[in-house]
Amino acid sequence: MKFFKNLLRDEAGATAIEYGLIAALIAVAAITAMQGLGTQLSTTFSTVSGQLSSANAAA
């Protein structure tokens, strides 16, 4: 019975769970930011590619 009382008082696991939740939130924020950046980069590369194709056809 003493083992279970000590187990209930131990908060080391709770701290690890909190750190895990913080890491998960940071990962979600990073993924969201990178998806937006990826869309912008794709648009930029498409624009540059089109301009290069037009310049090459004119030359």
N, C-alpha and C. Protein backbone atom coordinates (compact mmCIF):
# COMPACT_ATOMS: atom_id res chain seq x y z
N MET A 1 0.82 -1.19 0.00
CA MET A 1 0.00 0.00 0.00
C MET A 1 0.87 1.26 0.00
N LYS A 2 1.99 1.17 0.68
CA LYS A 2 2.89 2.32 0.74
C LYS A 2 3.44 2.65 -0.65
N PHE A 3 3.65 1.62 -1.47
CA PHE A 3 4.13 1.81 -2.83
C PHE A 3 3.16 2.67 -3.64
N PHE A 4 1.86 2.38 -3.52
CA PHE A 4 0.86 3.12 -4.28
C PHE A 4 0.75 4.56 -3.81
N LYS A 5 0.89 4.80 -2.50
CA LYS A 5 0.86 6.17 -1.98
C LYS A 5 2.04 6.97 -2.52
N ASN A 6 3.21 6.35 -2.54
CA ASN A 6 4.39 7.03 -3.10
C ASN A 6 4.23 7.27 -4.59
N LEU A 7 3.62 6.34 -5.28
CA LEU A 7 3.39 6.47 -6.71
C LEU A 7 2.46 7.64 -7.01
N LEU A 8 1.43 7.81 -6.20
CA LEU A 8 0.50 8.91 -6.40
C LEU A 8 1.13 10.27 -6.10
N ARG A 9 2.08 10.32 -5.19
CA ARG A 9 2.73 11.58 -4.85
C ARG A 9 3.84 11.96 -5.83
N ASP A 10 4.34 10.99 -6.58
CA ASP A 10 5.43 11.24 -7.52
C ASP A 10 4.92 12.08 -8.69
N GLU A 11 5.54 13.25 -8.91
CA GLU A 11 5.11 14.14 -9.98
C GLU A 11 6.09 14.18 -11.15
N ALA A 12 7.07 13.32 -11.18
CA ALA A 12 8.05 13.31 -12.27
C ALA A 12 7.39 12.96 -13.60
N GLY A 13 6.43 12.06 -13.58
CA GLY A 13 5.73 11.69 -14.80
C GLY A 13 4.89 12.83 -15.35
N ALA A 14 4.30 13.61 -14.44
CA ALA A 14 3.48 14.75 -14.87
C ALA A 14 4.35 15.79 -15.57
N THR A 15 5.55 16.00 -15.08
CA THR A 15 6.46 16.96 -15.71
C THR A 15 6.84 16.49 -17.11
N ALA A 16 7.09 15.21 -17.27
CA ALA A 16 7.45 14.66 -18.58
C ALA A 16 6.28 14.82 -19.55
N ILE A 17 5.07 14.61 -19.06
CA ILE A 17 3.90 14.77 -19.92
C ILE A 17 3.74 16.23 -20.34
N GLU A 18 3.98 17.16 -19.42
CA GLU A 18 3.89 18.58 -19.75
C GLU A 18 4.92 18.96 -20.82
N TYR A 19 6.13 18.47 -20.68
CA TYR A 19 7.15 18.75 -21.69
C TYR A 19 6.76 18.15 -23.04
N GLY A 20 6.17 16.98 -23.01
CA GLY A 20 5.72 16.34 -24.25
C GLY A 20 4.62 17.16 -24.92
N LEU A 21 3.69 17.68 -24.14
CA LEU A 21 2.62 18.51 -24.71
C LEU A 21 3.18 19.80 -25.30
N ILE A 22 4.13 20.41 -24.61
CA ILE A 22 4.76 21.63 -25.13
C ILE A 22 5.47 21.34 -26.45
N ALA A 23 6.21 20.23 -26.51
CA ALA A 23 6.91 19.86 -27.74
C ALA A 23 5.92 19.60 -28.88
N ALA A 24 4.79 18.99 -28.57
CA ALA A 24 3.78 18.72 -29.59
C ALA A 24 3.18 20.02 -30.13
N LEU A 25 2.92 20.98 -29.25
CA LEU A 25 2.38 22.27 -29.68
C LEU A 25 3.38 23.02 -30.55
N ILE A 26 4.65 22.97 -30.19
CA ILE A 26 5.68 23.62 -31.00
C ILE A 26 5.76 22.96 -32.37
N ALA A 27 5.67 21.64 -32.41
CA ALA A 27 5.73 20.92 -33.69
C ALA A 27 4.55 21.29 -34.58
N VAL A 28 3.36 21.39 -34.00
CA VAL A 28 2.18 21.76 -34.79
C VAL A 28 2.34 23.18 -35.35
N ALA A 29 2.84 24.10 -34.51
CA ALA A 29 3.05 25.47 -34.98
C ALA A 29 4.09 25.52 -36.10
N ALA A 30 5.17 24.75 -35.96
CA ALA A 30 6.22 24.73 -36.99
C ALA A 30 5.70 24.15 -38.30
N ILE A 31 4.92 23.08 -38.22
CA ILE A 31 4.37 22.46 -39.43
C ILE A 31 3.43 23.43 -40.14
N THR A 32 2.61 24.12 -39.37
CA THR A 32 1.68 25.09 -39.96
C THR A 32 2.44 26.22 -40.66
N ALA A 33 3.47 26.73 -40.01
CA ALA A 33 4.26 27.81 -40.60
C ALA A 33 4.98 27.34 -41.86
N MET A 34 5.50 26.13 -41.83
CA MET A 34 6.24 25.62 -42.99
C MET A 34 5.32 25.33 -44.17
N GLN A 35 4.08 24.94 -43.89
CA GLN A 35 3.14 24.71 -45.00
C GLN A 35 2.82 26.02 -45.70
N GLY A 36 2.63 27.09 -44.94
CA GLY A 36 2.39 28.40 -45.55
C GLY A 36 3.59 28.87 -46.34
N LEU A 37 4.77 28.66 -45.81
CA LEU A 37 5.99 29.04 -46.50
C LEU A 37 6.17 28.22 -47.77
N GLY A 38 5.84 26.94 -47.72
CA GLY A 38 5.96 26.07 -48.88
C GLY A 38 5.06 26.52 -50.02
N THR A 39 3.86 26.97 -49.68
CA THR A 39 2.93 27.46 -50.69
C THR A 39 3.49 28.72 -51.34
N GLN A 40 4.03 29.61 -50.55
CA GLN A 40 4.61 30.85 -51.08
C GLN A 40 5.81 30.54 -51.97
N LEU A 41 6.64 29.61 -51.55
CA LEU A 41 7.81 29.24 -52.36
C LEU A 41 7.39 28.61 -53.69
N SER A 42 6.38 27.79 -53.65
CA SER A 42 5.89 27.17 -54.88
C SER A 42 5.39 28.23 -55.86
N THR A 43 4.66 29.20 -55.35
CA THR A 43 4.16 30.29 -56.19
C THR A 43 5.32 31.09 -56.77
N THR A 44 6.31 31.38 -55.95
CA THR A 44 7.47 32.15 -56.40
C THR A 44 8.22 31.41 -57.50
N PHE A 45 8.47 30.12 -57.31
CA PHE A 45 9.19 29.34 -58.32
C PHE A 45 8.40 29.22 -59.62
N SER A 46 7.08 29.10 -59.50
CA SER A 46 6.24 29.03 -60.70
C SER A 46 6.31 30.35 -61.48
N THR A 47 6.28 31.46 -60.77
CA THR A 47 6.37 32.77 -61.41
C THR A 47 7.71 32.94 -62.12
N VAL A 48 8.79 32.59 -61.43
CA VAL A 48 10.13 32.71 -62.02
C VAL A 48 10.26 31.79 -63.23
N SER A 49 9.73 30.59 -63.13
CA SER A 49 9.80 29.65 -64.24
C SER A 49 9.06 30.20 -65.47
N GLY A 50 7.89 30.77 -65.23
CA GLY A 50 7.13 31.35 -66.34
C GLY A 50 7.85 32.52 -66.97
N GLN A 51 8.47 33.36 -66.17
CA GLN A 51 9.20 34.50 -66.70
C GLN A 51 10.44 34.04 -67.49
N LEU A 52 11.11 33.02 -66.98
CA LEU A 52 12.27 32.50 -67.70
C LEU A 52 11.85 31.86 -69.03
N SER A 53 10.74 31.18 -69.05
CA SER A 53 10.25 30.58 -70.28
C SER A 53 9.89 31.67 -71.30
N SER A 54 9.26 32.74 -70.83
CA SER A 54 8.91 33.85 -71.73
C SER A 54 10.16 34.53 -72.27
N ALA A 55 11.15 34.73 -71.39
CA ALA A 55 12.39 35.38 -71.81
C ALA A 55 13.15 34.49 -72.81
N ASN A 56 13.11 33.18 -72.59
CA ASN A 56 13.80 32.25 -73.48
C ASN A 56 13.12 32.20 -74.84
N ALA A 57 11.78 32.27 -74.85
CA ALA A 57 11.05 32.24 -76.12
C ALA A 57 11.28 33.53 -76.92
N ALA A 58 11.45 34.64 -76.22
CA ALA A 58 11.67 35.93 -76.89
C ALA A 58 13.09 36.04 -77.47
N ALA A 59 14.00 35.29 -76.88
CA ALA A 59 15.39 35.40 -77.32
C ALA A 59 15.68 34.55 -78.50
